[in-house]
N, C-alpha and C. Protein backbone atom coordinates (compact mmCIF):
# COMPACT_ATOMS: atom_id res chain seq x y z
N MET A 1 54.01 59.68 6.73
CA MET A 1 53.36 59.76 7.99
C MET A 1 54.18 58.95 8.99
N VAL A 2 54.46 59.51 10.16
CA VAL A 2 55.21 58.81 11.19
C VAL A 2 54.22 58.21 12.18
N ARG A 3 54.39 56.92 12.45
CA ARG A 3 53.46 56.21 13.33
C ARG A 3 54.26 55.35 14.28
N THR A 4 53.65 55.01 15.41
CA THR A 4 54.30 54.10 16.35
C THR A 4 54.03 52.67 15.91
N ALA A 5 54.78 51.75 16.46
CA ALA A 5 54.61 50.34 16.12
C ALA A 5 53.23 49.85 16.50
N ALA A 6 52.67 50.32 17.63
CA ALA A 6 51.34 49.91 18.06
C ALA A 6 50.29 50.32 17.02
N GLN A 7 50.43 51.53 16.45
CA GLN A 7 49.50 51.98 15.42
C GLN A 7 49.62 51.12 14.16
N VAL A 8 50.84 50.77 13.82
CA VAL A 8 51.07 49.94 12.63
C VAL A 8 50.45 48.57 12.84
N LYS A 9 50.66 47.98 14.02
CA LYS A 9 50.08 46.66 14.31
C LYS A 9 48.55 46.72 14.30
N ALA A 10 47.99 47.82 14.80
CA ALA A 10 46.54 47.98 14.83
C ALA A 10 45.96 48.02 13.42
N ASP A 11 46.75 48.48 12.46
CA ASP A 11 46.28 48.50 11.06
C ASP A 11 46.19 47.09 10.47
N GLY A 12 46.79 46.12 11.16
CA GLY A 12 46.70 44.74 10.70
C GLY A 12 47.60 44.43 9.52
N LEU A 13 48.69 45.16 9.35
CA LEU A 13 49.60 44.89 8.23
C LEU A 13 50.37 43.61 8.50
N ASP A 14 50.64 42.90 7.45
CA ASP A 14 51.34 41.63 7.54
C ASP A 14 52.78 41.86 8.00
N SER A 15 53.17 41.29 9.13
CA SER A 15 54.49 41.54 9.70
C SER A 15 55.62 40.94 8.88
N ARG A 16 55.31 40.01 7.96
CA ARG A 16 56.37 39.46 7.11
C ARG A 16 57.02 40.55 6.26
N TYR A 17 56.26 41.58 5.92
CA TYR A 17 56.77 42.65 5.09
C TYR A 17 57.39 43.78 5.90
N LEU A 18 57.20 43.76 7.20
CA LEU A 18 57.63 44.87 8.04
C LEU A 18 58.86 44.54 8.88
N GLY A 19 59.23 43.30 8.98
CA GLY A 19 60.34 42.93 9.84
C GLY A 19 59.85 42.83 11.27
N ASN A 20 60.76 42.82 12.21
CA ASN A 20 60.38 42.76 13.62
C ASN A 20 59.96 44.14 14.09
N LEU A 21 58.74 44.26 14.53
CA LEU A 21 58.25 45.54 15.00
C LEU A 21 58.51 45.67 16.48
N SER A 22 59.18 46.72 16.85
CA SER A 22 59.47 47.01 18.24
C SER A 22 58.58 48.16 18.67
N ASP A 23 57.91 48.01 19.80
CA ASP A 23 56.94 49.03 20.24
C ASP A 23 57.57 50.38 20.53
N ASP A 24 58.88 50.44 20.79
CA ASP A 24 59.49 51.72 21.13
C ASP A 24 60.07 52.45 19.92
N GLN A 25 59.87 51.94 18.72
CA GLN A 25 60.40 52.58 17.53
C GLN A 25 59.28 53.26 16.75
N THR A 26 59.67 54.26 15.99
CA THR A 26 58.71 54.89 15.10
C THR A 26 58.99 54.42 13.68
N TYR A 27 57.97 54.46 12.85
CA TYR A 27 58.08 53.98 11.49
C TYR A 27 57.52 55.03 10.55
N THR A 28 58.16 55.17 9.41
CA THR A 28 57.66 56.09 8.40
C THR A 28 56.85 55.29 7.40
N THR A 29 55.63 55.72 7.16
CA THR A 29 54.78 55.00 6.22
C THR A 29 54.47 55.89 5.03
N ARG A 30 54.39 55.27 3.88
CA ARG A 30 53.98 55.96 2.66
C ARG A 30 53.04 55.05 1.92
N SER A 31 52.06 55.62 1.31
CA SER A 31 51.11 54.82 0.53
C SER A 31 51.43 54.99 -0.95
N TYR A 32 51.50 53.87 -1.66
CA TYR A 32 51.73 53.88 -3.09
C TYR A 32 50.64 53.07 -3.76
N PRO A 33 49.79 53.69 -4.58
CA PRO A 33 48.77 52.89 -5.27
C PRO A 33 49.40 52.08 -6.39
N THR A 34 48.93 50.88 -6.54
CA THR A 34 49.39 50.02 -7.64
C THR A 34 48.18 49.52 -8.39
N PRO A 35 48.32 49.22 -9.68
CA PRO A 35 47.17 48.79 -10.47
C PRO A 35 46.52 47.50 -9.98
N ARG A 36 47.32 46.54 -9.50
CA ARG A 36 46.76 45.24 -9.14
C ARG A 36 46.18 45.20 -7.73
N THR A 37 46.92 45.73 -6.78
CA THR A 37 46.54 45.52 -5.38
C THR A 37 45.92 46.73 -4.72
N GLY A 38 45.86 47.84 -5.39
CA GLY A 38 45.25 49.01 -4.77
C GLY A 38 46.26 49.80 -3.98
N ASP A 39 46.29 49.63 -2.67
CA ASP A 39 47.12 50.46 -1.80
C ASP A 39 48.13 49.59 -1.05
N ILE A 40 49.41 49.91 -1.18
CA ILE A 40 50.47 49.18 -0.47
C ILE A 40 51.19 50.17 0.42
N ARG A 41 51.44 49.79 1.65
CA ARG A 41 52.19 50.65 2.57
C ARG A 41 53.61 50.13 2.70
N LEU A 42 54.55 51.03 2.61
CA LEU A 42 55.95 50.67 2.79
C LEU A 42 56.43 51.28 4.10
N MET A 43 57.29 50.58 4.78
CA MET A 43 57.76 51.01 6.09
C MET A 43 59.27 51.18 6.09
N ALA A 44 59.73 52.10 6.89
CA ALA A 44 61.16 52.26 7.13
C ALA A 44 61.35 52.51 8.61
N LYS A 45 62.24 51.77 9.22
CA LYS A 45 62.53 52.00 10.63
C LYS A 45 63.42 53.22 10.73
N SER A 46 62.94 54.27 11.35
CA SER A 46 63.73 55.49 11.41
C SER A 46 64.58 55.58 12.66
N ALA A 47 64.19 54.95 13.74
CA ALA A 47 64.91 55.08 14.99
C ALA A 47 66.12 54.14 15.05
N SER A 48 66.04 53.00 14.41
CA SER A 48 67.09 52.00 14.57
C SER A 48 68.40 52.39 13.90
N ILE A 49 68.35 53.17 12.85
CA ILE A 49 69.57 53.54 12.14
C ILE A 49 70.43 54.44 13.02
N GLU A 50 69.86 55.47 13.59
CA GLU A 50 70.62 56.39 14.42
C GLU A 50 71.14 55.73 15.69
N SER A 51 70.33 54.88 16.31
CA SER A 51 70.79 54.24 17.54
C SER A 51 71.95 53.29 17.27
N ALA A 52 71.95 52.65 16.13
CA ALA A 52 73.06 51.76 15.80
C ALA A 52 74.34 52.55 15.61
N ARG A 53 74.27 53.71 15.04
CA ARG A 53 75.46 54.54 14.84
C ARG A 53 76.01 55.06 16.15
N ASP A 54 75.13 55.32 17.11
CA ASP A 54 75.58 55.86 18.39
C ASP A 54 76.43 54.87 19.17
N HIS A 55 76.17 53.57 19.02
CA HIS A 55 76.84 52.59 19.86
C HIS A 55 77.96 51.84 19.17
N ASN A 56 77.84 51.57 17.92
CA ASN A 56 78.84 50.78 17.21
C ASN A 56 79.22 51.46 15.91
N PRO A 57 80.52 51.63 15.69
CA PRO A 57 80.92 52.19 14.40
C PRO A 57 80.58 51.21 13.29
N PRO A 58 80.11 51.71 12.15
CA PRO A 58 79.77 50.80 11.06
C PRO A 58 81.00 50.11 10.50
N VAL A 59 80.81 48.90 10.04
CA VAL A 59 81.89 48.12 9.45
C VAL A 59 81.54 47.88 7.98
N VAL A 60 82.49 48.15 7.12
CA VAL A 60 82.33 47.86 5.70
C VAL A 60 83.21 46.66 5.39
N GLU A 61 82.61 45.62 4.86
CA GLU A 61 83.36 44.42 4.51
C GLU A 61 83.33 44.21 3.01
N LEU A 62 84.45 43.81 2.49
CA LEU A 62 84.60 43.62 1.06
C LEU A 62 85.38 42.32 0.83
N ARG A 63 84.90 41.50 -0.07
CA ARG A 63 85.59 40.27 -0.44
C ARG A 63 85.84 40.31 -1.95
N VAL A 64 87.09 40.11 -2.31
CA VAL A 64 87.47 40.13 -3.71
C VAL A 64 88.38 38.93 -3.99
N GLU A 65 88.52 38.61 -5.24
CA GLU A 65 89.45 37.57 -5.64
C GLU A 65 90.86 38.05 -5.28
N ALA A 66 91.66 37.16 -4.74
CA ALA A 66 93.03 37.51 -4.36
C ALA A 66 93.90 37.54 -5.61
N HIS A 67 93.76 38.63 -6.36
CA HIS A 67 94.47 38.81 -7.62
C HIS A 67 94.88 40.27 -7.74
N PRO A 68 96.05 40.56 -8.30
CA PRO A 68 96.50 41.96 -8.41
C PRO A 68 95.52 42.88 -9.15
N ASP A 69 94.68 42.34 -10.02
CA ASP A 69 93.70 43.17 -10.72
C ASP A 69 92.71 43.83 -9.76
N GLN A 70 92.55 43.28 -8.57
CA GLN A 70 91.57 43.79 -7.61
C GLN A 70 92.13 44.89 -6.70
N LEU A 71 93.41 45.19 -6.82
CA LEU A 71 94.01 46.21 -5.96
C LEU A 71 93.37 47.59 -6.18
N ALA A 72 93.02 47.91 -7.40
CA ALA A 72 92.38 49.20 -7.68
C ALA A 72 91.04 49.32 -6.96
N VAL A 73 90.30 48.23 -6.89
CA VAL A 73 89.01 48.23 -6.19
C VAL A 73 89.23 48.48 -4.70
N LEU A 74 90.20 47.78 -4.11
CA LEU A 74 90.49 47.95 -2.69
C LEU A 74 90.94 49.38 -2.38
N ARG A 75 91.80 49.94 -3.23
CA ARG A 75 92.25 51.32 -3.02
C ARG A 75 91.09 52.30 -3.11
N ALA A 76 90.21 52.10 -4.08
CA ALA A 76 89.07 53.01 -4.27
C ALA A 76 88.12 52.95 -3.07
N VAL A 77 87.83 51.77 -2.58
CA VAL A 77 86.94 51.65 -1.42
C VAL A 77 87.59 52.25 -0.19
N ALA A 78 88.88 52.00 0.01
CA ALA A 78 89.59 52.57 1.15
C ALA A 78 89.56 54.10 1.10
N ALA A 79 89.80 54.67 -0.07
CA ALA A 79 89.79 56.14 -0.21
C ALA A 79 88.40 56.70 0.04
N ALA A 80 87.38 56.03 -0.48
CA ALA A 80 86.01 56.51 -0.29
C ALA A 80 85.62 56.52 1.19
N ILE A 81 86.00 55.48 1.91
CA ILE A 81 85.67 55.41 3.34
C ILE A 81 86.43 56.48 4.12
N ALA A 82 87.71 56.67 3.82
CA ALA A 82 88.49 57.70 4.51
C ALA A 82 87.93 59.09 4.22
N LEU A 83 87.55 59.35 2.99
CA LEU A 83 86.96 60.65 2.64
C LEU A 83 85.62 60.85 3.32
N GLN A 84 84.82 59.80 3.40
CA GLN A 84 83.51 59.89 4.03
C GLN A 84 83.64 60.28 5.50
N HIS A 85 84.73 59.88 6.13
CA HIS A 85 84.94 60.18 7.55
C HIS A 85 85.83 61.39 7.76
N ASP A 86 85.94 62.22 6.73
CA ASP A 86 86.61 63.52 6.79
C ASP A 86 88.10 63.46 7.12
N PHE A 87 88.79 62.41 6.68
CA PHE A 87 90.24 62.40 6.80
C PHE A 87 90.80 63.36 5.75
N ASP A 88 91.93 63.99 6.06
CA ASP A 88 92.50 64.92 5.08
C ASP A 88 93.09 64.14 3.90
N LEU A 89 93.39 64.86 2.82
CA LEU A 89 93.82 64.19 1.58
C LEU A 89 95.14 63.45 1.72
N ASP A 90 96.06 63.96 2.55
CA ASP A 90 97.31 63.24 2.77
C ASP A 90 97.06 61.90 3.46
N THR A 91 96.15 61.89 4.43
CA THR A 91 95.83 60.64 5.12
C THR A 91 95.11 59.68 4.19
N VAL A 92 94.25 60.19 3.32
CA VAL A 92 93.56 59.34 2.34
C VAL A 92 94.61 58.65 1.45
N ALA A 93 95.61 59.39 1.02
CA ALA A 93 96.68 58.79 0.20
C ALA A 93 97.44 57.73 1.00
N ASP A 94 97.68 57.99 2.29
CA ASP A 94 98.35 57.01 3.15
C ASP A 94 97.51 55.75 3.30
N VAL A 95 96.20 55.91 3.47
CA VAL A 95 95.30 54.77 3.60
C VAL A 95 95.35 53.92 2.33
N LYS A 96 95.29 54.57 1.18
CA LYS A 96 95.34 53.84 -0.09
C LYS A 96 96.65 53.06 -0.23
N LEU A 97 97.76 53.71 0.10
CA LEU A 97 99.06 53.06 -0.02
C LEU A 97 99.19 51.89 0.96
N ALA A 98 98.73 52.07 2.19
CA ALA A 98 98.81 51.00 3.19
C ALA A 98 97.95 49.81 2.78
N VAL A 99 96.74 50.06 2.32
CA VAL A 99 95.86 48.97 1.87
C VAL A 99 96.49 48.26 0.68
N ASP A 100 97.05 49.01 -0.25
CA ASP A 100 97.69 48.43 -1.42
C ASP A 100 98.86 47.53 -1.02
N GLU A 101 99.70 48.01 -0.12
CA GLU A 101 100.87 47.24 0.29
C GLU A 101 100.47 45.98 1.06
N ALA A 102 99.52 46.11 2.00
CA ALA A 102 99.09 44.95 2.78
C ALA A 102 98.39 43.93 1.89
N ALA A 103 97.53 44.38 1.00
CA ALA A 103 96.82 43.47 0.10
C ALA A 103 97.79 42.77 -0.84
N THR A 104 98.78 43.50 -1.33
CA THR A 104 99.77 42.90 -2.23
C THR A 104 100.52 41.77 -1.54
N ARG A 105 100.90 41.99 -0.28
CA ARG A 105 101.58 40.94 0.48
C ARG A 105 100.71 39.69 0.58
N LEU A 106 99.43 39.89 0.89
CA LEU A 106 98.54 38.74 1.03
C LEU A 106 98.27 38.07 -0.31
N ILE A 107 98.11 38.85 -1.36
CA ILE A 107 97.84 38.29 -2.69
C ILE A 107 99.01 37.46 -3.19
N MET A 108 100.23 37.95 -2.97
CA MET A 108 101.41 37.22 -3.45
C MET A 108 101.59 35.89 -2.73
N GLY A 109 101.08 35.77 -1.51
CA GLY A 109 101.20 34.51 -0.79
C GLY A 109 99.98 33.63 -0.88
N ALA A 110 98.94 34.09 -1.59
CA ALA A 110 97.67 33.35 -1.64
C ALA A 110 97.68 32.30 -2.75
N PRO A 111 97.00 31.20 -2.52
CA PRO A 111 96.86 30.20 -3.59
C PRO A 111 95.91 30.71 -4.68
N GLU A 112 95.94 30.05 -5.82
CA GLU A 112 95.06 30.42 -6.93
C GLU A 112 93.59 30.27 -6.51
N ASP A 113 92.75 31.18 -6.97
CA ASP A 113 91.30 31.19 -6.68
C ASP A 113 90.98 31.49 -5.21
N ALA A 114 91.90 32.11 -4.48
CA ALA A 114 91.64 32.48 -3.09
C ALA A 114 90.82 33.77 -3.04
N ILE A 115 90.18 34.00 -1.91
CA ILE A 115 89.39 35.21 -1.68
C ILE A 115 90.08 36.04 -0.61
N LEU A 116 90.25 37.32 -0.90
CA LEU A 116 90.83 38.29 0.04
C LEU A 116 89.67 39.01 0.72
N ALA A 117 89.63 38.99 2.04
CA ALA A 117 88.60 39.69 2.79
C ALA A 117 89.20 40.94 3.41
N CYS A 118 88.48 42.04 3.30
CA CYS A 118 88.95 43.32 3.83
C CYS A 118 87.80 43.98 4.58
N SER A 119 88.07 44.45 5.80
CA SER A 119 87.03 45.16 6.54
C SER A 119 87.59 46.50 7.02
N PHE A 120 86.72 47.50 7.00
CA PHE A 120 87.06 48.86 7.40
C PHE A 120 86.11 49.26 8.52
N ARG A 121 86.67 49.82 9.61
CA ARG A 121 85.84 50.32 10.71
C ARG A 121 86.42 51.65 11.16
N ALA A 122 85.62 52.69 11.01
CA ALA A 122 86.06 54.03 11.41
C ALA A 122 85.62 54.27 12.84
N ALA A 123 86.55 54.37 13.74
CA ALA A 123 86.30 54.75 15.13
C ALA A 123 87.18 55.97 15.37
N LEU A 124 86.65 57.11 14.96
CA LEU A 124 87.45 58.34 14.92
C LEU A 124 88.17 58.56 16.24
N PRO A 125 89.42 58.92 16.17
CA PRO A 125 90.19 59.44 15.05
C PRO A 125 90.93 58.36 14.25
N LEU A 126 90.61 57.10 14.46
CA LEU A 126 91.32 56.01 13.77
C LEU A 126 90.44 55.35 12.73
N LEU A 127 91.08 54.83 11.71
CA LEU A 127 90.44 53.96 10.74
C LEU A 127 91.12 52.60 10.89
N HIS A 128 90.34 51.60 11.33
CA HIS A 128 90.87 50.25 11.53
C HIS A 128 90.60 49.44 10.26
N ILE A 129 91.64 48.80 9.77
CA ILE A 129 91.54 48.02 8.54
C ILE A 129 92.09 46.62 8.82
N SER A 130 91.34 45.62 8.39
CA SER A 130 91.78 44.24 8.55
C SER A 130 91.68 43.54 7.20
N LEU A 131 92.77 42.92 6.78
CA LEU A 131 92.80 42.17 5.53
C LEU A 131 93.23 40.75 5.84
N SER A 132 92.57 39.78 5.23
CA SER A 132 92.99 38.39 5.45
C SER A 132 92.76 37.58 4.18
N ALA A 133 93.57 36.54 4.05
CA ALA A 133 93.49 35.66 2.89
C ALA A 133 94.14 34.33 3.23
N PRO A 134 93.73 33.28 2.54
CA PRO A 134 94.45 32.02 2.68
C PRO A 134 95.88 32.22 2.18
N THR A 135 96.80 31.45 2.72
CA THR A 135 98.19 31.63 2.33
C THR A 135 98.91 30.30 2.16
N ASN A 136 99.86 30.32 1.25
CA ASN A 136 100.73 29.15 1.06
C ASN A 136 101.93 29.24 1.99
N ASP A 137 102.39 30.45 2.30
CA ASP A 137 103.58 30.66 3.12
C ASP A 137 103.33 31.82 4.08
N ALA A 138 102.81 31.53 5.27
CA ALA A 138 102.45 32.57 6.24
C ALA A 138 103.68 33.32 6.76
N SER A 139 104.85 32.69 6.76
CA SER A 139 106.05 33.34 7.29
C SER A 139 106.52 34.50 6.41
N ALA A 140 106.18 34.47 5.12
CA ALA A 140 106.63 35.52 4.21
C ALA A 140 105.78 36.79 4.30
N ILE A 141 104.60 36.72 4.90
CA ILE A 141 103.67 37.86 4.93
C ILE A 141 104.21 39.00 5.78
N GLY A 142 104.75 38.70 6.93
CA GLY A 142 105.18 39.77 7.84
C GLY A 142 106.67 39.88 8.04
N GLN A 143 107.45 39.75 6.98
CA GLN A 143 108.90 39.87 7.12
C GLN A 143 109.27 41.30 7.50
N PRO A 144 109.79 41.52 8.72
CA PRO A 144 110.02 42.87 9.21
C PRO A 144 111.19 43.60 8.55
N ARG A 145 112.02 42.95 7.82
CA ARG A 145 113.19 43.62 7.22
C ARG A 145 112.93 44.08 5.78
N SER A 146 111.75 43.84 5.26
CA SER A 146 111.50 44.22 3.87
C SER A 146 111.12 45.70 3.78
N PHE A 147 111.31 46.26 2.59
CA PHE A 147 110.96 47.66 2.36
C PHE A 147 109.46 47.89 2.54
N GLY A 148 108.64 46.97 2.02
CA GLY A 148 107.19 47.10 2.15
C GLY A 148 106.74 47.13 3.60
N TRP A 149 107.37 46.33 4.46
CA TRP A 149 107.02 46.33 5.88
C TRP A 149 107.39 47.67 6.52
N HIS A 150 108.52 48.22 6.11
CA HIS A 150 108.93 49.54 6.61
C HIS A 150 107.91 50.60 6.20
N VAL A 151 107.42 50.54 4.97
CA VAL A 151 106.40 51.48 4.50
C VAL A 151 105.13 51.35 5.34
N LEU A 152 104.68 50.12 5.57
CA LEU A 152 103.48 49.91 6.38
C LEU A 152 103.65 50.46 7.79
N ASN A 153 104.81 50.22 8.40
CA ASN A 153 105.06 50.74 9.74
C ASN A 153 105.04 52.25 9.80
N SER A 154 105.54 52.89 8.76
CA SER A 154 105.60 54.35 8.77
C SER A 154 104.23 54.99 8.49
N LEU A 155 103.33 54.28 7.82
CA LEU A 155 102.02 54.84 7.47
C LEU A 155 100.96 54.61 8.54
N THR A 156 101.19 53.70 9.46
CA THR A 156 100.14 53.29 10.40
C THR A 156 100.49 53.66 11.84
N GLU A 157 99.43 53.75 12.65
CA GLU A 157 99.60 53.91 14.09
C GLU A 157 100.00 52.58 14.71
N SER A 158 99.35 51.52 14.25
CA SER A 158 99.68 50.18 14.73
C SER A 158 99.43 49.19 13.59
N ILE A 159 100.21 48.12 13.62
CA ILE A 159 100.05 47.07 12.62
C ILE A 159 100.44 45.74 13.23
N SER A 160 99.71 44.71 12.89
CA SER A 160 100.06 43.37 13.37
C SER A 160 99.72 42.35 12.30
N VAL A 161 100.47 41.28 12.30
CA VAL A 161 100.24 40.17 11.38
C VAL A 161 100.03 38.93 12.23
N THR A 162 98.94 38.25 11.97
CA THR A 162 98.68 36.97 12.63
C THR A 162 98.47 35.94 11.54
N SER A 163 98.87 34.73 11.84
CA SER A 163 98.69 33.67 10.85
C SER A 163 98.62 32.32 11.54
N ASP A 164 97.91 31.44 10.89
CA ASP A 164 97.95 30.04 11.27
C ASP A 164 98.47 29.28 10.06
N ASP A 165 98.27 28.02 10.00
CA ASP A 165 98.83 27.23 8.91
C ASP A 165 98.28 27.60 7.54
N SER A 166 97.03 28.08 7.50
CA SER A 166 96.42 28.26 6.19
C SER A 166 95.90 29.67 5.91
N ARG A 167 95.96 30.61 6.88
CA ARG A 167 95.39 31.94 6.69
C ARG A 167 96.25 32.99 7.38
N ALA A 168 96.43 34.11 6.71
CA ALA A 168 97.17 35.24 7.28
C ALA A 168 96.26 36.45 7.36
N THR A 169 96.42 37.24 8.41
CA THR A 169 95.63 38.45 8.62
C THR A 169 96.54 39.60 8.97
N ILE A 170 96.31 40.74 8.33
CA ILE A 170 97.03 41.97 8.65
C ILE A 170 96.00 42.95 9.19
N ASP A 171 96.21 43.38 10.44
CA ASP A 171 95.35 44.37 11.08
C ASP A 171 96.16 45.66 11.24
N MET A 172 95.56 46.78 10.87
CA MET A 172 96.26 48.06 11.01
C MET A 172 95.29 49.16 11.36
N SER A 173 95.82 50.17 12.02
CA SER A 173 95.05 51.37 12.38
C SER A 173 95.79 52.57 11.85
N ILE A 174 95.03 53.47 11.22
CA ILE A 174 95.63 54.67 10.64
C ILE A 174 94.88 55.88 11.20
N ALA A 175 95.64 56.86 11.65
CA ALA A 175 95.06 58.11 12.13
C ALA A 175 95.52 59.24 11.24
N GLU A 176 94.80 60.33 11.30
CA GLU A 176 95.21 61.49 10.51
C GLU A 176 96.61 61.90 10.95
N GLY A 177 97.51 62.01 9.98
CA GLY A 177 98.89 62.40 10.28
C GLY A 177 99.75 61.28 10.77
N SER A 178 99.35 60.02 10.62
CA SER A 178 100.17 58.88 11.08
C SER A 178 101.56 58.89 10.46
N ALA A 179 101.64 59.26 9.21
CA ALA A 179 102.94 59.23 8.51
C ALA A 179 103.82 60.41 8.91
N ASP A 180 103.27 61.41 9.61
CA ASP A 180 104.05 62.57 10.01
C ASP A 180 104.92 62.32 11.24
N ARG A 181 104.66 61.25 11.96
CA ARG A 181 105.39 61.05 13.22
C ARG A 181 106.81 60.62 13.01
C-alpha cells in the first residue's frame, strides 16, 4: 500500500523504525504478521531513490588490503560497474586493465598492512575511478617514462597522480573507446 508521510505519522508508528519522514515523499507499507508482536509494518522510501539518481551519480567505494592478492577483486568490481553502465566489452577490458595497473603501482609502493581505497563514479559517458593508498615512495607512483604509465595514458581519457608525504592518489576517467584514439 502506498501512503503519504502524513498518513504514516497519523498511524502513530514509531519514527525510530522509519527514519526521517518527509511530508513530500511516499512510502510503501506492507504488513507482516509475527507470532510475538502481531502486526509489524515495514516501510520503504520510494521517492528518495529516484531523486538521488537524478542529481548525483552513485559512487561505489571499495577498501581492500594493499596486497597483490586483492587485484582480482578490484578487477571484478571494475568490470561489474562498467557492464552495469552498458560500456562495451572492449571498454570493460580497458577498465579492468587500467584499474589493475593503477592499483599495482599503489600496492608496490604501499607499506605493509596498508589499505587501498578505490571509488567508482559513472557520469556517462565517462567512468571516473580514483585509487589511493599510503605510500613509502610517492615519487615512484607516477613515473611518466615507464611502460605501465604509457599503458595507463593510452587506456584513459585523463589521468592524474597526486601525492603528499604519506599518501598517493591516482584519478582517471575512461570513456567508451578511450583506447581507440
